[in-house]
Structures are given as structure tokens and as C-alpha cells.
PDB file of all heavy atoms in Angstrom:
ATOM      1  N   LYS A   1     108.532 108.833 104.688  1.00  0.00           N
ATOM      2  CA  LYS A   1     109.139 109.708 105.727  1.00  0.00           C
ATOM      3  C   LYS A   1     109.362 111.140 105.197  1.00  0.00           C
ATOM      4  O   LYS A   1     109.758 112.056 105.921  1.00  0.00           O
ATOM      5  CB  LYS A   1     110.465 109.137 106.230  1.00  0.00           C
ATOM      6  CG  LYS A   1     110.353 107.784 106.884  1.00  0.00           C
ATOM      7  CD  LYS A   1     111.697 107.295 107.351  1.00  0.00           C
ATOM      8  CE  LYS A   1     112.553 106.852 106.183  1.00  0.00           C
ATOM      9  NZ  LYS A   1     113.867 106.270 106.689  1.00  0.00           N
ATOM     10  N   ALA A   2     109.061 111.379 103.978  1.00  0.00           N
ATOM     11  CA  ALA A   2     109.510 112.618 103.288  1.00  0.00           C
ATOM     12  C   ALA A   2     108.591 113.744 103.617  1.00  0.00           C
ATOM     13  O   ALA A   2     107.401 113.611 103.785  1.00  0.00           O
ATOM     14  CB  ALA A   2     109.587 112.402 101.745  1.00  0.00           C
ATOM     15  N   GLN A   3     109.195 114.990 103.556  1.00  0.00           N
ATOM     16  CA  GLN A   3     108.328 116.263 103.720  1.00  0.00           C
ATOM     17  C   GLN A   3     108.184 116.805 102.263  1.00  0.00           C
ATOM     18  O   GLN A   3     107.130 117.453 102.046  1.00  0.00           O
ATOM     19  CB  GLN A   3     109.113 117.191 104.529  1.00  0.00           C
ATOM     20  CG  GLN A   3     108.382 118.469 104.929  1.00  0.00           C
ATOM     21  CD  GLN A   3     107.207 118.178 105.886  1.00  0.00           C
ATOM     22  OE1 GLN A   3     107.099 117.101 106.384  1.00  0.00           O
ATOM     23  NE2 GLN A   3     106.332 119.256 106.030  1.00  0.00           N
ATOM     24  N   HIS A   4     109.101 116.559 101.358  1.00  0.00           N
ATOM     25  CA  HIS A   4     109.037 117.106  99.973  1.00  0.00           C
ATOM     26  C   HIS A   4     109.247 115.988  98.972  1.00  0.00           C
ATOM     27  O   HIS A   4     110.132 115.228  99.159  1.00  0.00           O
ATOM     28  CB  HIS A   4     110.057 118.265  99.729  1.00  0.00           C
ATOM     29  CG  HIS A   4     109.990 119.359 100.703  1.00  0.00           C
ATOM     30  ND1 HIS A   4     111.021 120.116 100.998  1.00  0.00           N
ATOM     31  CD2 HIS A   4     108.837 119.885 101.256  1.00  0.00           C
ATOM     32  CE1 HIS A   4     110.641 121.103 101.821  1.00  0.00           C
ATOM     33  NE2 HIS A   4     109.385 120.977 101.997  1.00  0.00           N
ATOM     34  N   ILE A   5     108.369 115.904  97.916  1.00  0.00           N
ATOM     35  CA  ILE A   5     108.428 114.878  96.964  1.00  0.00           C
ATOM     36  C   ILE A   5     108.619 115.498  95.606  1.00  0.00           C
ATOM     37  O   ILE A   5     107.849 116.440  95.213  1.00  0.00           O
ATOM     38  CB  ILE A   5     107.189 113.991  96.959  1.00  0.00           C
ATOM     39  CG1 ILE A   5     107.077 113.152  98.265  1.00  0.00           C
ATOM     40  CG2 ILE A   5     107.174 113.068  95.754  1.00  0.00           C
ATOM     41  CD1 ILE A   5     108.177 112.124  98.368  1.00  0.00           C
ATOM     42  N   ALA A   6     109.573 114.965  94.811  1.00  0.00           N
ATOM     43  CA  ALA A   6     109.652 115.329  93.301  1.00  0.00           C
ATOM     44  C   ALA A   6     109.009 114.222  92.609  1.00  0.00           C
ATOM     45  O   ALA A   6     109.565 113.128  92.488  1.00  0.00           O
ATOM     46  CB  ALA A   6     111.149 115.482  92.987  1.00  0.00           C
ATOM     47  N   ASN A   7     107.798 114.477  92.072  1.00  0.00           N
ATOM     48  CA  ASN A   7     107.068 113.399  91.371  1.00  0.00           C
ATOM     49  C   ASN A   7     107.767 113.107  90.024  1.00  0.00           C
ATOM     50  O   ASN A   7     108.105 114.030  89.291  1.00  0.00           O
ATOM     51  CB  ASN A   7     105.606 113.878  91.116  1.00  0.00           C
ATOM     52  CG  ASN A   7     104.619 112.753  91.183  1.00  0.00           C
ATOM     53  OD1 ASN A   7     104.513 112.048  92.132  1.00  0.00           O
ATOM     54  ND2 ASN A   7     103.905 112.664  90.028  1.00  0.00           N
ATOM     55  N   PRO A   8     107.921 111.859  89.678  1.00  0.00           N
ATOM     56  CA  PRO A   8     108.581 111.502  88.362  1.00  0.00           C
ATOM     57  C   PRO A   8     107.883 111.970  87.175  1.00  0.00           C
ATOM     58  O   PRO A   8     106.680 112.166  87.127  1.00  0.00           O
ATOM     59  CB  PRO A   8     108.676 109.967  88.452  1.00  0.00           C
ATOM     60  CG  PRO A   8     108.568 109.626  89.889  1.00  0.00           C
ATOM     61  CD  PRO A   8     107.560 110.654  90.451  1.00  0.00           C
ATOM     62  N   GLY A   9     108.600 112.098  86.083  1.00  0.00           N
ATOM     63  CA  GLY A   9     108.011 112.507  84.797  1.00  0.00           C
ATOM     64  C   GLY A   9     107.329 111.263  84.165  1.00  0.00           C
ATOM     65  O   GLY A   9     107.465 110.152  84.591  1.00  0.00           O
ATOM     66  N   CYS A  10     106.461 111.569  83.163  1.00  0.00           N
ATOM     67  CA  CYS A  10     105.617 110.460  82.622  1.00  0.00           C
ATOM     68  C   CYS A  10     106.429 109.495  81.810  1.00  0.00           C
ATOM     69  O   CYS A  10     106.287 108.285  82.057  1.00  0.00           O
ATOM     70  CB  CYS A  10     104.504 111.138  81.825  1.00  0.00           C
ATOM     71  SG  CYS A  10     105.037 112.288  80.561  1.00  0.00           S
ATOM     72  N   PHE A  11     107.182 109.992  80.829  1.00  0.00           N
ATOM     73  CA  PHE A  11     108.067 109.047  80.078  1.00  0.00           C
ATOM     74  C   PHE A  11     108.994 108.331  81.050  1.00  0.00           C
ATOM     75  O   PHE A  11     109.337 107.121  80.898  1.00  0.00           O
ATOM     76  CB  PHE A  11     108.862 109.812  79.036  1.00  0.00           C
ATOM     77  CG  PHE A  11     108.257 109.952  77.669  1.00  0.00           C
ATOM     78  CD1 PHE A  11     108.230 111.186  76.987  1.00  0.00           C
ATOM     79  CD2 PHE A  11     107.656 108.834  77.117  1.00  0.00           C
ATOM     80  CE1 PHE A  11     107.644 111.299  75.803  1.00  0.00           C
ATOM     81  CE2 PHE A  11     107.084 108.964  75.855  1.00  0.00           C
ATOM     82  CZ  PHE A  11     107.055 110.163  75.223  1.00  0.00           C
ATOM     83  N   ALA A  12     109.572 109.059  81.978  1.00  0.00           N
ATOM     84  CA  ALA A  12     110.529 108.520  82.964  1.00  0.00           C
ATOM     85  C   ALA A  12     109.905 107.317  83.711  1.00  0.00           C
ATOM     86  O   ALA A  12     110.529 106.320  83.891  1.00  0.00           O
ATOM     87  CB  ALA A  12     111.030 109.574  83.887  1.00  0.00           C
ATOM     88  N   THR A  13     108.694 107.563  84.207  1.00  0.00           N
ATOM     89  CA  THR A  13     108.023 106.517  84.950  1.00  0.00           C
ATOM     90  C   THR A  13     107.886 105.204  84.109  1.00  0.00           C
ATOM     91  O   THR A  13     108.238 104.097  84.526  1.00  0.00           O
ATOM     92  CB  THR A  13     106.595 106.974  85.466  1.00  0.00           C
ATOM     93  OG1 THR A  13     106.821 108.066  86.332  1.00  0.00           O
ATOM     94  CG2 THR A  13     105.895 105.835  86.091  1.00  0.00           C
ATOM     95  N   CYS A  14     107.289 105.390  82.946  1.00  0.00           N
ATOM     96  CA  CYS A  14     107.018 104.252  82.011  1.00  0.00           C
ATOM     97  C   CYS A  14     108.301 103.521  81.631  1.00  0.00           C
ATOM     98  O   CYS A  14     108.368 102.274  81.711  1.00  0.00           O
ATOM     99  CB  CYS A  14     106.341 104.720  80.822  1.00  0.00           C
ATOM    100  SG  CYS A  14     105.576 103.412  79.773  1.00  0.00           S
ATOM    101  N   ILE A  15     109.317 104.221  81.351  1.00  0.00           N
ATOM    102  CA  ILE A  15     110.558 103.607  80.899  1.00  0.00           C
ATOM    103  C   ILE A  15     111.380 103.000  82.080  1.00  0.00           C
ATOM    104  O   ILE A  15     111.900 101.923  81.955  1.00  0.00           O
ATOM    105  CB  ILE A  15     111.479 104.661  80.136  1.00  0.00           C
ATOM    106  CG1 ILE A  15     110.729 105.091  78.911  1.00  0.00           C
ATOM    107  CG2 ILE A  15     112.838 104.065  79.849  1.00  0.00           C
ATOM    108  CD1 ILE A  15     111.332 106.262  78.171  1.00  0.00           C
ATOM    109  N   GLN A  16     111.421 103.672  83.231  1.00  0.00           N
ATOM    110  CA  GLN A  16     112.030 103.129  84.327  1.00  0.00           C
ATOM    111  C   GLN A  16     111.380 101.798  84.737  1.00  0.00           C
ATOM    112  O   GLN A  16     112.090 100.827  85.072  1.00  0.00           O
ATOM    113  CB  GLN A  16     111.952 104.070  85.505  1.00  0.00           C
ATOM    114  CG  GLN A  16     112.907 105.297  85.429  1.00  0.00           C
ATOM    115  CD  GLN A  16     112.722 106.263  86.526  1.00  0.00           C
ATOM    116  OE1 GLN A  16     113.410 106.166  87.514  1.00  0.00           O
ATOM    117  NE2 GLN A  16     111.808 107.198  86.432  1.00  0.00           N
ATOM    118  N   LEU A  17     110.014 101.743  84.715  1.00  0.00           N
ATOM    119  CA  LEU A  17     109.386 100.529  85.182  1.00  0.00           C
ATOM    120  C   LEU A  17     109.652  99.394  84.234  1.00  0.00           C
ATOM    121  O   LEU A  17     109.586  98.216  84.598  1.00  0.00           O
ATOM    122  CB  LEU A  17     107.948 100.803  85.333  1.00  0.00           C
ATOM    123  CG  LEU A  17     107.563 101.777  86.447  1.00  0.00           C
ATOM    124  CD1 LEU A  17     106.016 102.028  86.501  1.00  0.00           C
ATOM    125  CD2 LEU A  17     108.035 101.298  87.819  1.00  0.00           C
ATOM    126  N   ALA A  18     109.984  99.700  83.025  1.00  0.00           N
ATOM    127  CA  ALA A  18     110.438  98.668  82.051  1.00  0.00           C
ATOM    128  C   ALA A  18     111.887  98.200  82.315  1.00  0.00           C
ATOM    129  O   ALA A  18     112.159  96.996  82.125  1.00  0.00           O
ATOM    130  CB  ALA A  18     110.325  99.216  80.561  1.00  0.00           C
ATOM    131  N   LEU A  19     112.730  99.041  82.794  1.00  0.00           N
ATOM    132  CA  LEU A  19     114.114  98.719  82.874  1.00  0.00           C
ATOM    133  C   LEU A  19     114.692  98.406  84.254  1.00  0.00           C
ATOM    134  O   LEU A  19     115.659  97.641  84.423  1.00  0.00           O
ATOM    135  CB  LEU A  19     115.017  99.961  82.399  1.00  0.00           C
ATOM    136  CG  LEU A  19     114.813 100.425  80.899  1.00  0.00           C
ATOM    137  CD1 LEU A  19     115.627 101.648  80.612  1.00  0.00           C
ATOM    138  CD2 LEU A  19     115.102  99.246  79.988  1.00  0.00           C
ATOM    139  N   LEU A  20     114.044  98.851  85.348  1.00  0.00           N
ATOM    140  CA  LEU A  20     114.573  98.661  86.654  1.00  0.00           C
ATOM    141  C   LEU A  20     114.685  97.279  87.089  1.00  0.00           C
ATOM    142  O   LEU A  20     115.693  96.928  87.837  1.00  0.00           O
ATOM    143  CB  LEU A  20     113.788  99.553  87.674  1.00  0.00           C
ATOM    144  CG  LEU A  20     113.947 101.058  87.596  1.00  0.00           C
ATOM    145  CD1 LEU A  20     113.014 101.785  88.500  1.00  0.00           C
ATOM    146  CD2 LEU A  20     115.375 101.438  87.777  1.00  0.00           C
ATOM    147  N   PRO A  21     113.748  96.335  86.811  1.00  0.00           N
ATOM    148  CA  PRO A  21     113.984  94.902  87.161  1.00  0.00           C
ATOM    149  C   PRO A  21     115.260  94.381  86.514  1.00  0.00           C
ATOM    150  O   PRO A  21     115.998  93.606  87.153  1.00  0.00           O
ATOM    151  CB  PRO A  21     112.747  94.219  86.669  1.00  0.00           C
ATOM    152  CG  PRO A  21     111.685  95.275  86.687  1.00  0.00           C
ATOM    153  CD  PRO A  21     112.398  96.517  86.239  1.00  0.00           C
ATOM    154  N   ALA A  22     115.488  94.759  85.245  1.00  0.00           N
ATOM    155  CA  ALA A  22     116.745  94.336  84.608  1.00  0.00           C
ATOM    156  C   ALA A  22     117.984  94.939  85.256  1.00  0.00           C
ATOM    157  O   ALA A  22     118.992  94.273  85.386  1.00  0.00           O
ATOM    158  CB  ALA A  22     116.680  94.714  83.113  1.00  0.00           C
ATOM    159  N   ALA A  23     117.885  96.229  85.757  1.00  0.00           N
ATOM    160  CA  ALA A  23     118.904  96.801  86.457  1.00  0.00           C
ATOM    161  C   ALA A  23     119.208  96.053  87.757  1.00  0.00           C
ATOM    162  O   ALA A  23     120.386  95.924  88.140  1.00  0.00           O
ATOM    163  CB  ALA A  23     118.626  98.283  86.772  1.00  0.00           C
ATOM    164  N   ALA A  24     118.199  95.595  88.443  1.00  0.00           N
ATOM    165  CA  ALA A  24     118.331  94.829  89.705  1.00  0.00           C
ATOM    166  C   ALA A  24     119.045  93.534  89.487  1.00  0.00           C
ATOM    167  O   ALA A  24     119.704  93.011  90.325  1.00  0.00           O
ATOM    168  CB  ALA A  24     116.952  94.634  90.359  1.00  0.00           C
ATOM    169  N   MET A  25     118.922  92.967  88.195  1.00  0.00           N
ATOM    170  CA  MET A  25     119.637  91.792  87.838  1.00  0.00           C
ATOM    171  C   MET A  25     121.006  92.085  87.189  1.00  0.00           C
ATOM    172  O   MET A  25     121.630  91.161  86.674  1.00  0.00           O
ATOM    173  CB  MET A  25     118.781  90.928  86.895  1.00  0.00           C
ATOM    174  CG  MET A  25     117.585  90.302  87.623  1.00  0.00           C
ATOM    175  SD  MET A  25     116.508  89.360  86.454  1.00  0.00           S
ATOM    176  CE  MET A  25     115.472  90.595  85.676  1.00  0.00           C
ATOM    177  N   HIS A  26     121.391  93.321  87.131  1.00  0.00           N
ATOM    178  CA  HIS A  26     122.674  93.790  86.541  1.00  0.00           C
ATOM    179  C   HIS A  26     122.816  93.358  85.132  1.00  0.00           C
ATOM    180  O   HIS A  26     123.881  92.994  84.610  1.00  0.00           O
ATOM    181  CB  HIS A  26     123.814  93.260  87.356  1.00  0.00           C
ATOM    182  CG  HIS A  26     123.844  93.700  88.815  1.00  0.00           C
ATOM    183  ND1 HIS A  26     124.341  94.930  89.226  1.00  0.00           N
ATOM    184  CD2 HIS A  26     123.351  93.069  89.944  1.00  0.00           C
ATOM    185  CE1 HIS A  26     124.173  95.030  90.508  1.00  0.00           C
ATOM    186  NE2 HIS A  26     123.588  93.970  90.941  1.00  0.00           N
ATOM    187  N   LEU A  27     121.684  93.578  84.364  1.00  0.00           N
ATOM    188  CA  LEU A  27     121.718  93.215  82.937  1.00  0.00           C
ATOM    189  C   LEU A  27     121.964  94.367  82.033  1.00  0.00           C
ATOM    190  O   LEU A  27     122.129  94.213  80.847  1.00  0.00           O
ATOM    191  CB  LEU A  27     120.340  92.636  82.562  1.00  0.00           C
ATOM    192  CG  LEU A  27     119.909  91.364  83.313  1.00  0.00           C
ATOM    193  CD1 LEU A  27     118.562  90.896  82.835  1.00  0.00           C
ATOM    194  CD2 LEU A  27     120.957  90.257  83.244  1.00  0.00           C
ATOM    195  N   LEU A  28     121.990  95.592  82.531  1.00  0.00           N
ATOM    196  CA  LEU A  28     122.139  96.808  81.721  1.00  0.00           C
ATOM    197  C   LEU A  28     123.543  97.269  81.573  1.00  0.00           C
ATOM    198  O   LEU A  28     124.033  98.310  82.101  1.00  0.00           O
ATOM    199  CB  LEU A  28     121.224  97.928  82.291  1.00  0.00           C
ATOM    200  CG  LEU A  28     119.779  97.618  82.510  1.00  0.00           C
ATOM    201  CD1 LEU A  28     119.048  98.801  83.077  1.00  0.00           C
ATOM    202  CD2 LEU A  28     119.129  97.052  81.236  1.00  0.00           C
ATOM    203  N   ASP A  29     124.325  96.527  80.834  1.00  0.00           N
ATOM    204  CA  ASP A  29     125.716  96.824  80.582  1.00  0.00           C
ATOM    205  C   ASP A  29     126.051  97.177  79.147  1.00  0.00           C
ATOM    206  O   ASP A  29     127.164  97.441  78.844  1.00  0.00           O
ATOM    207  CB  ASP A  29     126.652  95.665  81.088  1.00  0.00           C
ATOM    208  CG  ASP A  29     126.311  94.325  80.404  1.00  0.00           C
ATOM    209  OD1 ASP A  29     125.325  94.313  79.578  1.00  0.00           O
ATOM    210  OD2 ASP A  29     127.006  93.354  80.693  1.00  0.00           O
ATOM    211  N   LYS A  30     124.932  97.145  78.302  1.00  0.00           N
ATOM    212  CA  LYS A  30     125.096  97.571  76.917  1.00  0.00           C
ATOM    213  C   LYS A  30     124.128  98.585  76.515  1.00  0.00           C
ATOM    214  O   LYS A  30     123.160  98.818  77.304  1.00  0.00           O
ATOM    215  CB  LYS A  30     124.952  96.334  76.015  1.00  0.00           C
ATOM    216  CG  LYS A  30     126.018  95.207  76.170  1.00  0.00           C
ATOM    217  CD  LYS A  30     125.791  94.074  75.231  1.00  0.00           C
ATOM    218  CE  LYS A  30     126.854  93.048  75.356  1.00  0.00           C
ATOM    219  NZ  LYS A  30     126.833  92.381  76.739  1.00  0.00           N
ATOM    220  N   ASP A  31     124.325  99.267  75.401  1.00  0.00           N
ATOM    221  CA  ASP A  31     123.397 100.314  75.044  1.00  0.00           C
ATOM    222  C   ASP A  31     121.988  99.798  74.864  1.00  0.00           C
ATOM    223  O   ASP A  31     121.806  98.698  74.468  1.00  0.00           O
ATOM    224  CB  ASP A  31     123.823 100.995  73.716  1.00  0.00           C
ATOM    225  CG  ASP A  31     125.184 101.742  73.813  1.00  0.00           C
ATOM    226  OD1 ASP A  31     125.666 101.894  74.948  1.00  0.00           O
ATOM    227  OD2 ASP A  31     125.674 102.203  72.762  1.00  0.00           O
TER     228      ASP A  31
END
């Protein structure tokens, strides 16, 4: 639905895709 998109950064994309499923399971509570 967007008119303007901020495309993600390269490191950010790779690292987020590693971490976001764990975030969805609420596992990211430690460093």
C-alpha cells in the first residue's frame, strides 16, 4: 500500500532474517 519505501541495509537484512523468527518466539532477552 506504500507510496514511499525505505529499502533495508545489506547487513541489516541478513542479520534481521537470522534473528526475527527468534524474536517472534520471544527468545531475545539476553545479549
